[in-house]
């Protein structure tokens, strides 16, 4: 009797294990590869909008999907290209990606060069990875300076940035940052501008530079500071914050300086997501909305509603949005009694 019970129990265990294994091996309907050169605030929001929207679309259609993410490595163009090529081959040949979402120019170029038959949606996310012209950014910087003038109408305005590490071999990030600075300088006007570009030195961290330079600017009568798209500056200008995806801490301030040490004056950032770290308000492209659009494009291609194999979502800087950051505003109120964000800025958001 005991043997029979033991046999029955064993069979039940085997059957349950088999069913569990079968369920675990069930394939998803679609495998989606996501590629980018390096992580950015902007691509984070594209990724978030894409993931959340695609989940709703797939659920509504009764379909399942899996995302395989790949980031390229290397600092030199040749190394990046080799890494991107390897990533494409891995996604297509080994992971069986049905489509690839490219979040950087180099990733899109690599897909076209190495897997042109694989459907791709290219969402031009991070400014740092883009081949931009100065005029592409003009309307966005004009509106950012407009916000600065509303915040500090009777004061000087400032620009703070970290100079390129290699002036002779500038990256796309360096070039695009300089475009923003040139535009801001031109729009603000030299007579009303205090501009600080510091050199990164090993004996002083970025944290130290930002703290010192912002305090100097305030003493020089600057009422609002513009920080162009620069991930490092944004993260340390408002203390530590872990990267949203939870798999890295590249945006975390190593020294963890207090917000009050550096965020004691209004800052307008070149990007909405940077503004969440240290800005009081800004105008910029809504990258989450770009992710929503990318999800719809991917869904339509996979389900046969769109026969195009390559879709490029171009950034229209004229279709950005105004935002305010109440958390930083409240902190500034405590540090600078009597100060508040002007109602005219809030009216732009409404």
C-alpha atoms as a PDB file:
ATOM      1  CA  UNK A   1       0.000   0.000   0.000  1.00  0.00           C
ATOM      2  CA  UNK A   2       2.826   2.360   0.906  1.00  0.00           C
ATOM      3  CA  UNK A   3       4.562   1.522  -2.379  1.00  0.00           C
ATOM      4  CA  UNK A   4       1.376   2.349  -4.335  1.00  0.00           C
ATOM      5  CA  UNK A   5       1.016   5.680  -2.554  1.00  0.00           C
ATOM      6  CA  UNK A   6       4.667   6.454  -3.170  1.00  0.00           C
ATOM      7  CA  UNK A   7       4.275   5.645  -6.856  1.00  0.00           C
ATOM      8  CA  UNK A   8       1.181   7.844  -7.124  1.00  0.00           C
ATOM      9  CA  UNK A   9       2.930  10.728  -5.375  1.00  0.00           C
ATOM     10  CA  UNK A  10       5.950  10.304  -7.668  1.00  0.00           C
ATOM     11  CA  UNK A  11       3.750  10.366 -10.762  1.00  0.00           C
ATOM     12  CA  UNK A  12       1.996  13.505  -9.545  1.00  0.00           C
ATOM     13  CA  UNK A  13       5.341  15.189  -8.937  1.00  0.00           C
ATOM     14  CA  UNK A  14       6.616  14.174 -12.383  1.00  0.00           C
ATOM     15  CA  UNK A  15       3.414  15.381 -14.048  1.00  0.00           C
ATOM     16  CA  UNK A  16       3.499  18.718 -12.192  1.00  0.00           C
ATOM     17  CA  UNK A  17       7.175  19.190 -13.034  1.00  0.00           C
ATOM     18  CA  UNK A  18       6.528  18.416 -16.691  1.00  0.00           C
ATOM     19  CA  UNK A  19       3.658  20.873 -16.861  1.00  0.00           C
ATOM     20  CA  UNK A  20       5.766  23.554 -15.158  1.00  0.00           C
ATOM     21  CA  UNK A  21       8.643  22.932 -17.551  1.00  0.00           C
ATOM     22  CA  UNK A  22       6.291  23.082 -20.532  1.00  0.00           C
ATOM     23  CA  UNK A  23       4.823  26.346 -19.310  1.00  0.00           C
ATOM     24  CA  UNK A  24       8.281  27.746 -18.752  1.00  0.00           C
ATOM     25  CA  UNK A  25       9.347  26.827 -22.290  1.00  0.00           C
ATOM     26  CA  UNK A  26       6.331  28.402 -23.956  1.00  0.00           C
ATOM     27  CA  UNK A  27       7.543  30.838 -26.578  1.00  0.00           C
ATOM     28  CA  UNK A  28       6.365  34.396 -26.827  1.00  0.00           C
ATOM     29  CA  UNK A  29       4.745  35.619 -30.030  1.00  0.00           C
ATOM     30  CA  UNK A  30       7.379  38.274 -30.694  1.00  0.00           C
ATOM     31  CA  UNK A  31      10.979  38.963 -29.736  1.00  0.00           C
ATOM     32  CA  UNK A  32      11.858  42.653 -29.854  1.00  0.00           C
ATOM     33  CA  UNK A  33      15.457  43.803 -29.847  1.00  0.00           C
ATOM     34  CA  UNK A  34      16.334  47.215 -28.433  1.00  0.00           C
ATOM     35  CA  UNK A  35      19.675  48.789 -29.265  1.00  0.00           C
ATOM     36  CA  UNK A  36      21.412  52.005 -28.283  1.00  0.00           C
ATOM     37  CA  UNK A  37      24.903  53.415 -28.106  1.00  0.00           C
ATOM     38  CA  UNK A  38      24.763  54.632 -24.506  1.00  0.00           C
ATOM     39  CA  UNK A  39      22.055  55.280 -21.935  1.00  0.00           C
ATOM     40  CA  UNK A  40      20.531  58.749 -21.711  1.00  0.00           C
ATOM     41  CA  UNK A  41      17.687  60.435 -19.867  1.00  0.00           C
ATOM     42  CA  UNK A  42      15.879  60.874 -23.158  1.00  0.00           C
ATOM     43  CA  UNK A  43      16.215  57.279 -24.308  1.00  0.00           C
ATOM     44  CA  UNK A  44      15.088  56.145 -20.845  1.00  0.00           C
ATOM     45  CA  UNK A  45      11.791  57.919 -21.395  1.00  0.00           C
ATOM     46  CA  UNK A  46      11.436  56.606 -24.959  1.00  0.00           C
ATOM     47  CA  UNK A  47      12.023  53.128 -23.565  1.00  0.00           C
ATOM     48  CA  UNK A  48       9.455  53.658 -20.809  1.00  0.00           C
ATOM     49  CA  UNK A  49       6.781  55.023 -23.152  1.00  0.00           C
ATOM     50  CA  UNK A  50       7.498  52.216 -25.603  1.00  0.00           C
ATOM     51  CA  UNK A  51       7.328  49.422 -23.028  1.00  0.00           C
ATOM     52  CA  UNK A  52       4.181  50.627 -21.289  1.00  0.00           C
ATOM     53  CA  UNK A  53       2.305  51.304 -24.521  1.00  0.00           C
ATOM     54  CA  UNK A  54       3.368  48.101 -26.264  1.00  0.00           C
ATOM     55  CA  UNK A  55       2.265  46.046 -23.264  1.00  0.00           C
ATOM     56  CA  UNK A  56      -1.235  47.512 -23.551  1.00  0.00           C
ATOM     57  CA  UNK A  57      -1.362  46.972 -27.328  1.00  0.00           C
ATOM     58  CA  UNK A  58      -0.154  43.380 -27.108  1.00  0.00           C
ATOM     59  CA  UNK A  59      -2.487  42.566 -24.241  1.00  0.00           C
ATOM     60  CA  UNK A  60      -5.429  43.938 -26.176  1.00  0.00           C
ATOM     61  CA  UNK A  61      -4.506  41.763 -29.156  1.00  0.00           C
ATOM     62  CA  UNK A  62      -3.934  38.671 -27.011  1.00  0.00           C
ATOM     63  CA  UNK A  63      -0.240  38.551 -27.925  1.00  0.00           C
ATOM     64  CA  UNK A  64       2.937  38.211 -25.877  1.00  0.00           C
ATOM     65  CA  UNK A  65       6.405  39.656 -26.419  1.00  0.00           C
ATOM     66  CA  UNK A  66       9.891  39.615 -24.988  1.00  0.00           C
ATOM     67  CA  UNK A  67      12.444  42.438 -25.052  1.00  0.00           C
ATOM     68  CA  UNK A  68      16.158  41.784 -25.497  1.00  0.00           C
ATOM     69  CA  UNK A  69      18.222  44.905 -24.753  1.00  0.00           C
ATOM     70  CA  UNK A  70      21.727  45.527 -26.063  1.00  0.00           C
ATOM     71  CA  UNK A  71      24.035  48.511 -25.478  1.00  0.00           C
ATOM     72  CA  UNK A  72      27.187  49.068 -27.494  1.00  0.00           C
ATOM     73  CA  UNK A  73      30.589  49.388 -25.881  1.00  0.00           C
ATOM     74  CA  UNK A  74      33.727  51.424 -26.553  1.00  0.00           C
ATOM     75  CA  UNK A  75      34.623  55.097 -26.777  1.00  0.00           C
ATOM     76  CA  UNK A  76      36.093  55.217 -30.283  1.00  0.00           C
ATOM     77  CA  UNK A  77      33.862  55.083 -33.367  1.00  0.00           C
ATOM     78  CA  UNK A  78      35.525  51.904 -34.654  1.00  0.00           C
ATOM     79  CA  UNK A  79      34.972  50.130 -31.333  1.00  0.00           C
ATOM     80  CA  UNK A  80      31.352  51.290 -31.167  1.00  0.00           C
ATOM     81  CA  UNK A  81      30.710  50.120 -34.736  1.00  0.00           C
ATOM     82  CA  UNK A  82      32.202  46.700 -33.988  1.00  0.00           C
ATOM     83  CA  UNK A  83      30.104  46.398 -30.834  1.00  0.00           C
ATOM     84  CA  UNK A  84      26.934  47.449 -32.651  1.00  0.00           C
ATOM     85  CA  UNK A  85      27.604  44.887 -35.401  1.00  0.00           C
ATOM     86  CA  UNK A  86      28.025  42.165 -32.790  1.00  0.00           C
ATOM     87  CA  UNK A  87      24.797  43.224 -31.090  1.00  0.00           C
ATOM     88  CA  UNK A  88      22.841  43.103 -34.350  1.00  0.00           C
ATOM     89  CA  UNK A  89      24.135  39.640 -35.179  1.00  0.00           C
ATOM     90  CA  UNK A  90      23.304  38.407 -31.679  1.00  0.00           C
ATOM     91  CA  UNK A  91      19.770  39.789 -31.764  1.00  0.00           C
ATOM     92  CA  UNK A  92      18.950  38.463 -35.219  1.00  0.00           C
ATOM     93  CA  UNK A  93      20.810  35.142 -35.336  1.00  0.00           C
ATOM     94  CA  UNK A  94      20.780  33.979 -31.718  1.00  0.00           C
ATOM     95  CA  UNK A  95      17.817  35.742 -30.138  1.00  0.00           C
ATOM     96  CA  UNK A  96      15.538  35.595 -33.171  1.00  0.00           C
ATOM     97  CA  UNK A  97      14.427  39.222 -32.972  1.00  0.00           C
ATOM     98  CA  UNK A  98      11.375  39.893 -35.129  1.00  0.00           C
ATOM     99  CA  UNK A  99      12.044  43.631 -35.093  1.00  0.00           C
ATOM    100  CA  UNK A 100      14.601  46.046 -33.639  1.00  0.00           C
ATOM    101  CA  UNK A 101      13.970  49.390 -31.963  1.00  0.00           C
ATOM    102  CA  UNK A 102      17.060  51.582 -32.427  1.00  0.00           C
ATOM    103  CA  UNK A 103      17.494  54.414 -29.946  1.00  0.00           C
ATOM    104  CA  UNK A 104      20.720  55.867 -31.333  1.00  0.00           C
ATOM    105  CA  UNK A 105      22.092  56.790 -34.750  1.00  0.00           C
ATOM    106  CA  UNK A 106      24.917  54.243 -34.627  1.00  0.00           C
ATOM    107  CA  UNK A 107      22.472  51.458 -33.749  1.00  0.00           C
ATOM    108  CA  UNK A 108      20.203  52.311 -36.668  1.00  0.00           C
ATOM    109  CA  UNK A 109      23.185  52.499 -39.028  1.00  0.00           C
ATOM    110  CA  UNK A 110      24.366  49.092 -37.880  1.00  0.00           C
ATOM    111  CA  UNK A 111      20.981  47.440 -38.403  1.00  0.00           C
ATOM    112  CA  UNK A 112      20.773  48.837 -41.928  1.00  0.00           C
ATOM    113  CA  UNK A 113      24.315  47.708 -42.708  1.00  0.00           C
ATOM    114  CA  UNK A 114      24.225  44.256 -41.125  1.00  0.00           C
ATOM    115  CA  UNK A 115      20.589  43.136 -41.060  1.00  0.00           C
ATOM    116  CA  UNK A 116      18.728  45.214 -43.623  1.00  0.00           C
ATOM    117  CA  UNK A 117      15.989  42.594 -43.977  1.00  0.00           C
ATOM    118  CA  UNK A 118      15.107  42.844 -40.290  1.00  0.00           C
ATOM    119  CA  UNK A 119      12.302  45.371 -39.638  1.00  0.00           C
ATOM    120  CA  UNK A 120      13.462  48.392 -37.637  1.00  0.00           C
ATOM    121  CA  UNK A 121      11.921  51.420 -35.983  1.00  0.00           C
ATOM    122  CA  UNK A 122      14.376  54.239 -35.329  1.00  0.00           C
ATOM    123  CA  UNK A 123      13.333  56.663 -32.590  1.00  0.00           C
ATOM    124  CA  UNK A 124      15.785  59.569 -32.622  1.00  0.00           C
ATOM    125  CA  UNK A 125      16.082  59.839 -28.880  1.00  0.00           C
ATOM    126  CA  UNK A 126      19.255  61.145 -27.278  1.00  0.00           C
ATOM    127  CA  UNK A 127      20.544  64.449 -28.636  1.00  0.00           C
ATOM    128  CA  UNK A 128      24.044  63.254 -27.783  1.00  0.00           C
ATOM    129  CA  UNK A 129      23.844  60.491 -30.412  1.00  0.00           C
ATOM    130  CA  UNK A 130      22.397  62.562 -33.204  1.00  0.00           C
ATOM    131  CA  UNK A 131      23.654  64.343 -36.291  1.00  0.00           C
ATOM    132  CA  UNK A 132      21.921  67.655 -35.626  1.00  0.00           C
ATOM    133  CA  UNK A 133      22.095  71.009 -37.312  1.00  0.00           C
ATOM    134  CA  UNK A 134      22.124  74.158 -35.219  1.00  0.00           C
ATOM    135  CA  UNK A 135      18.773  75.291 -36.597  1.00  0.00           C
ATOM    136  CA  UNK A 136      17.167  72.010 -35.519  1.00  0.00           C
ATOM    137  CA  UNK A 137      17.615  73.080 -31.914  1.00  0.00           C
ATOM    138  CA  UNK A 138      16.881  76.791 -32.240  1.00  0.00           C
ATOM    139  CA  UNK A 139      13.181  76.766 -31.383  1.00  0.00           C
ATOM    140  CA  UNK A 140      13.755  74.599 -28.300  1.00  0.00           C
ATOM    141  CA  UNK A 141      16.552  76.799 -26.927  1.00  0.00           C
ATOM    142  CA  UNK A 142      14.509  79.944 -27.672  1.00  0.00           C
ATOM    143  CA  UNK A 143      11.695  78.623 -25.513  1.00  0.00           C
ATOM    144  CA  UNK A 144      14.110  77.560 -22.774  1.00  0.00           C
ATOM    145  CA  UNK A 145      15.576  81.069 -22.641  1.00  0.00           C
ATOM    146  CA  UNK A 146      12.032  82.432 -22.629  1.00  0.00           C
ATOM    147  CA  UNK A 147      11.403  80.452 -19.438  1.00  0.00           C
ATOM    148  CA  UNK A 148      14.648  81.775 -17.918  1.00  0.00           C
ATOM    149  CA  UNK A 149      13.662  85.394 -18.611  1.00  0.00           C
ATOM    150  CA  UNK A 150      10.270  84.858 -17.000  1.00  0.00           C
ATOM    151  CA  UNK A 151      11.947  83.382 -13.917  1.00  0.00           C
ATOM    152  CA  UNK A 152      14.560  86.149 -13.582  1.00  0.00           C
ATOM    153  CA  UNK A 153      13.407  89.158 -15.635  1.00  0.00           C
ATOM    154  CA  UNK A 154      15.658  91.688 -13.890  1.00  0.00           C
ATOM    155  CA  UNK A 155      18.770  89.584 -13.374  1.00  0.00           C
ATOM    156  CA  UNK A 156      21.657  88.225 -15.367  1.00  0.00           C
ATOM    157  CA  UNK A 157      21.309  84.742 -16.862  1.00  0.00           C
ATOM    158  CA  UNK A 158      23.945  82.025 -16.714  1.00  0.00           C
ATOM    159  CA  UNK A 159      25.137  79.044 -18.712  1.00  0.00           C
ATOM    160  CA  UNK A 160      27.041  76.221 -17.001  1.00  0.00           C
ATOM    161  CA  UNK A 161      28.714  73.307 -18.789  1.00  0.00           C
ATOM    162  CA  UNK A 162      31.705  70.995 -18.701  1.00  0.00           C
ATOM    163  CA  UNK A 163      34.155  71.530 -21.565  1.00  0.00           C
ATOM    164  CA  UNK A 164      34.869  68.614 -23.935  1.00  0.00           C
ATOM    165  CA  UNK A 165      37.650  66.366 -22.674  1.00  0.00           C
ATOM    166  CA  UNK A 166      39.317  66.313 -26.097  1.00  0.00           C
ATOM    167  CA  UNK A 167      38.915  69.549 -28.049  1.00  0.00           C
ATOM    168  CA  UNK A 168      40.410  68.001 -31.202  1.00  0.00           C
ATOM    169  CA  UNK A 169      38.262  64.866 -31.217  1.00  0.00           C
ATOM    170  CA  UNK A 170      34.822  65.977 -30.117  1.00  0.00           C
ATOM    171  CA  UNK A 171      32.013  63.489 -29.749  1.00  0.00           C
ATOM    172  CA  UNK A 172      28.505  64.068 -31.092  1.00  0.00           C
ATOM    173  CA  UNK A 173      27.507  64.866 -27.523  1.00  0.00           C
ATOM    174  CA  UNK A 174      30.194  67.576 -27.364  1.00  0.00           C
ATOM    175  CA  UNK A 175      29.199  69.065 -30.717  1.00  0.00           C
ATOM    176  CA  UNK A 176      25.498  69.129 -29.933  1.00  0.00           C
ATOM    177  CA  UNK A 177      26.125  70.603 -26.493  1.00  0.00           C
ATOM    178  CA  UNK A 178      28.147  73.395 -28.093  1.00  0.00           C
ATOM    179  CA  UNK A 179      25.276  74.105 -30.477  1.00  0.00           C
ATOM    180  CA  UNK A 180      22.937  74.591 -27.518  1.00  0.00           C
ATOM    181  CA  UNK A 181      25.442  76.873 -25.814  1.00  0.00           C
ATOM    182  CA  UNK A 182      25.960  78.969 -28.966  1.00  0.00           C
ATOM    183  CA  UNK A 183      22.217  79.387 -29.390  1.00  0.00           C
ATOM    184  CA  UNK A 184      21.639  80.286 -25.726  1.00  0.00           C
ATOM    185  CA  UNK A 185      24.528  82.779 -25.842  1.00  0.00           C
ATOM    186  CA  UNK A 186      23.117  84.371 -28.994  1.00  0.00           C
ATOM    187  CA  UNK A 187      19.539  84.583 -27.675  1.00  0.00           C
ATOM    188  CA  UNK A 188      20.427  85.865 -24.187  1.00  0.00           C
ATOM    189  CA  UNK A 189      22.934  88.451 -25.373  1.00  0.00           C
ATOM    190  CA  UNK A 190      26.452  89.040 -24.083  1.00  0.00           C
ATOM    191  CA  UNK A 191      25.538  92.035 -21.905  1.00  0.00           C
ATOM    192  CA  UNK A 192      23.184  89.950 -19.786  1.00  0.00           C
ATOM    193  CA  UNK A 193      25.135  86.682 -19.701  1.00  0.00           C
ATOM    194  CA  UNK A 194      27.532  84.963 -17.304  1.00  0.00           C
ATOM    195  CA  UNK A 195      28.971  81.873 -18.988  1.00  0.00           C
ATOM    196  CA  UNK A 196      31.073  79.251 -17.222  1.00  0.00           C
ATOM    197  CA  UNK A 197      32.660  76.292 -18.930  1.00  0.00           C
ATOM    198  CA  UNK A 198      34.878  74.353 -16.555  1.00  0.00           C
ATOM    199  CA  UNK A 199      37.558  71.763 -17.269  1.00  0.00           C
ATOM    200  CA  UNK A 200      37.207  68.437 -15.536  1.00  0.00           C
ATOM    201  CA  UNK A 201      40.229  67.924 -13.315  1.00  0.00           C
ATOM    202  CA  UNK A 202      41.105  64.769 -11.437  1.00  0.00           C
ATOM    203  CA  UNK A 203      41.827  66.670  -8.218  1.00  0.00           C
ATOM    204  CA  UNK A 204      38.257  67.981  -8.193  1.00  0.00           C
ATOM    205  CA  UNK A 205      35.096  66.027  -8.961  1.00  0.00           C
ATOM    206  CA  UNK A 206      32.243  67.290 -11.125  1.00  0.00           C
ATOM    207  CA  UNK A 207      30.327  67.723  -7.862  1.00  0.00           C
ATOM    208  CA  UNK A 208      32.901  70.183  -6.603  1.00  0.00           C
ATOM    209  CA  UNK A 209      32.960  72.173  -9.837  1.00  0.00           C
ATOM    210  CA  UNK A 210      29.178  72.495  -9.944  1.00  0.00           C
ATOM    211  CA  UNK A 211      28.921  73.584  -6.322  1.00  0.00           C
ATOM    212  CA  UNK A 212      31.660  76.214  -6.686  1.00  0.00           C
ATOM    213  CA  UNK A 213      30.519  77.606 -10.039  1.00  0.00           C
ATOM    214  CA  UNK A 214      26.839  77.897  -9.132  1.00  0.00           C
ATOM    215  CA  UNK A 215      27.693  79.696  -5.922  1.00  0.00           C
ATOM    216  CA  UNK A 216      29.966  82.098  -7.858  1.00  0.00           C
ATOM    217  CA  UNK A 217      27.195  82.775 -10.338  1.00  0.00           C
ATOM    218  CA  UNK A 218      24.750  83.604  -7.610  1.00  0.00           C
ATOM    219  CA  UNK A 219      27.209  86.097  -6.090  1.00  0.00           C
ATOM    220  CA  UNK A 220      27.666  87.634  -9.551  1.00  0.00           C
ATOM    221  CA  UNK A 221      23.956  88.420  -9.723  1.00  0.00           C
ATOM    222  CA  UNK A 222      22.803  85.524 -11.883  1.00  0.00           C
ATOM    223  CA  UNK A 223      19.116  84.808 -11.346  1.00  0.00           C
ATOM    224  CA  UNK A 224      18.718  81.655 -13.440  1.00  0.00           C
ATOM    225  CA  UNK A 225      21.159  79.150 -14.985  1.00  0.00           C
ATOM    226  CA  UNK A 226      20.872  77.135 -18.185  1.00  0.00           C
ATOM    227  CA  UNK A 227      22.403  73.644 -18.279  1.00  0.00           C
ATOM    228  CA  UNK A 228      22.540  72.115 -21.783  1.00  0.00           C
ATOM    229  CA  UNK A 229      21.910  68.428 -22.362  1.00  0.00           C
ATOM    230  CA  UNK A 230      24.633  66.848 -20.256  1.00  0.00           C
ATOM    231  CA  UNK A 231      23.807  63.780 -18.173  1.00  0.00           C
ATOM    232  CA  UNK A 232      26.621  64.248 -15.680  1.00  0.00           C
ATOM    233  CA  UNK A 233      25.826  67.863 -14.873  1.00  0.00           C
ATOM    234  CA  UNK A 234      22.141  67.197 -14.413  1.00  0.00           C
ATOM    235  CA  UNK A 235      22.664  64.281 -12.054  1.00  0.00           C
ATOM    236  CA  UNK A 236      25.132  66.030  -9.763  1.00  0.00           C
ATOM    237  CA  UNK A 237      23.410  69.401  -9.740  1.00  0.00           C
ATOM    238  CA  UNK A 238      20.698  67.899  -7.582  1.00  0.00           C
ATOM    239  CA  UNK A 239      22.442  65.142  -5.679  1.00  0.00           C
ATOM    240  CA  UNK A 240      22.242  61.369  -6.166  1.00  0.00           C
ATOM    241  CA  UNK A 241      19.562  59.475  -8.052  1.00  0.00           C
ATOM    242  CA  UNK A 242      19.746  55.892  -9.286  1.00  0.00           C
ATOM    243  CA  UNK A 243      19.171  55.268 -12.973  1.00  0.00           C
ATOM    244  CA  UNK A 244      15.532  54.449 -13.667  1.00  0.00           C
ATOM    245  CA  UNK A 245      16.110  51.012 -15.179  1.00  0.00           C
ATOM    246  CA  UNK A 246      17.625  49.774 -11.959  1.00  0.00           C
ATOM    247  CA  UNK A 247      20.524  47.925 -13.639  1.00  0.00           C
ATOM    248  CA  UNK A 248      23.145  50.621 -13.332  1.00  0.00           C
ATOM    249  CA  UNK A 249      23.990  53.705 -11.306  1.00  0.00           C
ATOM    250  CA  UNK A 250      25.646  55.797 -14.003  1.00  0.00           C
ATOM    251  CA  UNK A 251      23.614  58.834 -13.026  1.00  0.00           C
ATOM    252  CA  UNK A 252      24.366  58.592  -9.324  1.00  0.00           C
ATOM    253  CA  UNK A 253      26.536  61.274  -7.763  1.00  0.00           C
ATOM    254  CA  UNK A 254      29.532  59.553  -6.230  1.00  0.00           C
ATOM    255  CA  UNK A 255      29.799  62.079  -3.430  1.00  0.00           C
ATOM    256  CA  UNK A 256      26.066  62.404  -2.786  1.00  0.00           C
ATOM    257  CA  UNK A 257      26.139  66.149  -2.145  1.00  0.00           C
ATOM    258  CA  UNK A 258      23.159  67.789  -0.515  1.00  0.00           C
ATOM    259  CA  UNK A 259      20.558  69.397  -2.762  1.00  0.00           C
ATOM    260  CA  UNK A 260      20.740  72.664  -0.818  1.00  0.00           C
ATOM    261  CA  UNK A 261      24.482  72.970  -1.526  1.00  0.00           C
ATOM    262  CA  UNK A 262      23.975  73.339  -5.258  1.00  0.00           C
ATOM    263  CA  UNK A 263      20.280  73.726  -6.037  1.00  0.00           C
ATOM    264  CA  UNK A 264      20.018  77.112  -4.324  1.00  0.00           C
ATOM    265  CA  UNK A 265      19.122  79.008  -7.503  1.00  0.00           C
ATOM    266  CA  UNK A 266      16.739  78.341 -10.396  1.00  0.00           C
ATOM    267  CA  UNK A 267      18.048  76.077 -13.134  1.00  0.00           C
ATOM    268  CA  UNK A 268      16.499  75.484 -16.564  1.00  0.00           C
ATOM    269  CA  UNK A 269      17.684  72.266 -18.182  1.00  0.00           C
ATOM    270  CA  UNK A 270      18.068  71.369 -21.846  1.00  0.00           C
ATOM    271  CA  UNK A 271      15.976  68.237 -21.393  1.00  0.00           C
ATOM    272  CA  UNK A 272      12.719  67.432 -19.583  1.00  0.00           C
ATOM    273  CA  UNK A 273      14.151  64.373 -17.862  1.00  0.00           C
ATOM    274  CA  UNK A 274      17.241  66.268 -16.728  1.00  0.00           C
ATOM    275  CA  UNK A 275      14.843  68.819 -15.290  1.00  0.00           C
ATOM    276  CA  UNK A 276      13.560  66.180 -12.888  1.00  0.00           C
ATOM    277  CA  UNK A 277      16.985  66.197 -11.230  1.00  0.00           C
ATOM    278  CA  UNK A 278      17.690  69.877 -10.736  1.00  0.00           C
ATOM    279  CA  UNK A 279      15.527  72.183 -12.864  1.00  0.00           C
ATOM    280  CA  UNK A 280      12.561  74.318 -11.835  1.00  0.00           C
ATOM    281  CA  UNK A 281      11.056  74.471 -15.321  1.00  0.00           C
ATOM    282  CA  UNK A 282      11.858  73.994 -18.991  1.00  0.00           C
ATOM    283  CA  UNK A 283      10.555  73.359 -22.468  1.00  0.00           C
ATOM    284  CA  UNK A 284      11.734  70.324 -24.430  1.00  0.00           C
ATOM    285  CA  UNK A 285      10.773  67.336 -26.525  1.00  0.00           C
ATOM    286  CA  UNK A 286       8.432  64.841 -24.870  1.00  0.00           C
ATOM    287  CA  UNK A 287      10.428  61.643 -25.266  1.00  0.00           C
ATOM    288  CA  UNK A 288       7.801  59.528 -23.525  1.00  0.00           C
ATOM    289  CA  UNK A 289       5.391  60.474 -26.314  1.00  0.00           C
ATOM    290  CA  UNK A 290       8.033  59.394 -28.834  1.00  0.00           C
ATOM    291  CA  UNK A 291       8.129  56.007 -27.117  1.00  0.00           C
ATOM    292  CA  UNK A 292       4.347  55.766 -27.392  1.00  0.00           C
ATOM    293  CA  UNK A 293       4.587  56.426 -31.119  1.00  0.00           C
ATOM    294  CA  UNK A 294       7.414  53.902 -31.500  1.00  0.00           C
ATOM    295  CA  UNK A 295       5.316  51.240 -29.767  1.00  0.00           C
ATOM    296  CA  UNK A 296       2.447  51.809 -32.183  1.00  0.00           C
ATOM    297  CA  UNK A 297       4.801  51.585 -35.178  1.00  0.00           C
ATOM    298  CA  UNK A 298       6.359  48.340 -33.897  1.00  0.00           C
ATOM    299  CA  UNK A 299       2.957  46.844 -33.167  1.00  0.00           C
ATOM    300  CA  UNK A 300       1.606  47.742 -36.613  1.00  0.00           C
ATOM    301  CA  UNK A 301       4.630  46.223 -38.375  1.00  0.00           C
ATOM    302  CA  UNK A 302       4.521  43.002 -36.360  1.00  0.00           C
ATOM    303  CA  UNK A 303       0.781  42.540 -36.866  1.00  0.00           C
ATOM    304  CA  UNK A 304       0.894  43.348 -40.572  1.00  0.00           C
ATOM    305  CA  UNK A 305      -0.939  46.665 -40.401  1.00  0.00           C
ATOM    306  CA  UNK A 306       2.129  48.460 -41.748  1.00  0.00           C
ATOM    307  CA  UNK A 307       4.184  46.887 -44.533  1.00  0.00           C
ATOM    308  CA  UNK A 308       7.118  49.288 -44.122  1.00  0.00           C
ATOM    309  CA  UNK A 309      10.240  47.561 -42.860  1.00  0.00           C
ATOM    310  CA  UNK A 310      12.086  50.680 -41.734  1.00  0.00           C
ATOM    311  CA  UNK A 311      10.332  53.510 -39.913  1.00  0.00           C
ATOM    312  CA  UNK A 312      12.105  56.607 -38.620  1.00  0.00           C
ATOM    313  CA  UNK A 313      10.463  58.761 -35.961  1.00  0.00           C
ATOM    314  CA  UNK A 314      12.008  62.186 -36.291  1.00  0.00           C
ATOM    315  CA  UNK A 315      12.131  64.589 -33.380  1.00  0.00           C
ATOM    316  CA  UNK A 316      10.160  67.764 -33.945  1.00  0.00           C
ATOM    317  CA  UNK A 317      11.542  70.240 -31.418  1.00  0.00           C
ATOM    318  CA  UNK A 318       8.602  72.536 -32.139  1.00  0.00           C
ATOM    319  CA  UNK A 319       6.286  69.920 -30.635  1.00  0.00           C
ATOM    320  CA  UNK A 320       7.799  69.867 -27.178  1.00  0.00           C
ATOM    321  CA  UNK A 321       6.087  70.745 -23.919  1.00  0.00           C
ATOM    322  CA  UNK A 322       6.596  72.988 -20.900  1.00  0.00           C
ATOM    323  CA  UNK A 323       7.083  71.424 -17.474  1.00  0.00           C
ATOM    324  CA  UNK A 324       7.695  72.623 -13.921  1.00  0.00           C
ATOM    325  CA  UNK A 325       9.376  70.669 -11.137  1.00  0.00           C
ATOM    326  CA  UNK A 326       7.494  71.377  -7.927  1.00  0.00           C
ATOM    327  CA  UNK A 327       9.936  69.384  -5.794  1.00  0.00           C
ATOM    328  CA  UNK A 328      12.863  71.657  -6.663  1.00  0.00           C
ATOM    329  CA  UNK A 329      10.623  74.737  -6.488  1.00  0.00           C
ATOM    330  CA  UNK A 330       9.666  73.833  -2.918  1.00  0.00           C
ATOM    331  CA  UNK A 331      13.316  73.393  -1.964  1.00  0.00           C
ATOM    332  CA  UNK A 332      14.213  76.767  -3.416  1.00  0.00           C
ATOM    333  CA  UNK A 333      11.377  78.369  -1.472  1.00  0.00           C
ATOM    334  CA  UNK A 334      12.958  77.123   1.756  1.00  0.00           C
ATOM    335  CA  UNK A 335      16.463  78.242   0.823  1.00  0.00           C
ATOM    336  CA  UNK A 336      15.428  81.564  -0.712  1.00  0.00           C
ATOM    337  CA  UNK A 337      12.566  82.930   1.364  1.00  0.00           C
ATOM    338  CA  UNK A 338      10.142  84.963  -0.651  1.00  0.00           C
ATOM    339  CA  UNK A 339      11.082  83.320  -3.968  1.00  0.00           C
ATOM    340  CA  UNK A 340       8.562  81.391  -6.041  1.00  0.00           C
ATOM    341  CA  UNK A 341       8.175  80.295  -9.629  1.00  0.00           C
ATOM    342  CA  UNK A 342       6.298  83.066 -11.498  1.00  0.00           C
ATOM    343  CA  UNK A 343       2.706  82.395 -12.422  1.00  0.00           C
ATOM    344  CA  UNK A 344       3.602  83.236 -16.020  1.00  0.00           C
ATOM    345  CA  UNK A 345       5.727  80.081 -16.145  1.00  0.00           C
ATOM    346  CA  UNK A 346       2.949  77.958 -14.686  1.00  0.00           C
ATOM    347  CA  UNK A 347       0.589  79.400 -17.270  1.00  0.00           C
ATOM    348  CA  UNK A 348       2.827  78.036 -20.038  1.00  0.00           C
ATOM    349  CA  UNK A 349       2.319  74.519 -18.678  1.00  0.00           C
ATOM    350  CA  UNK A 350      -1.443  74.794 -18.415  1.00  0.00           C
END
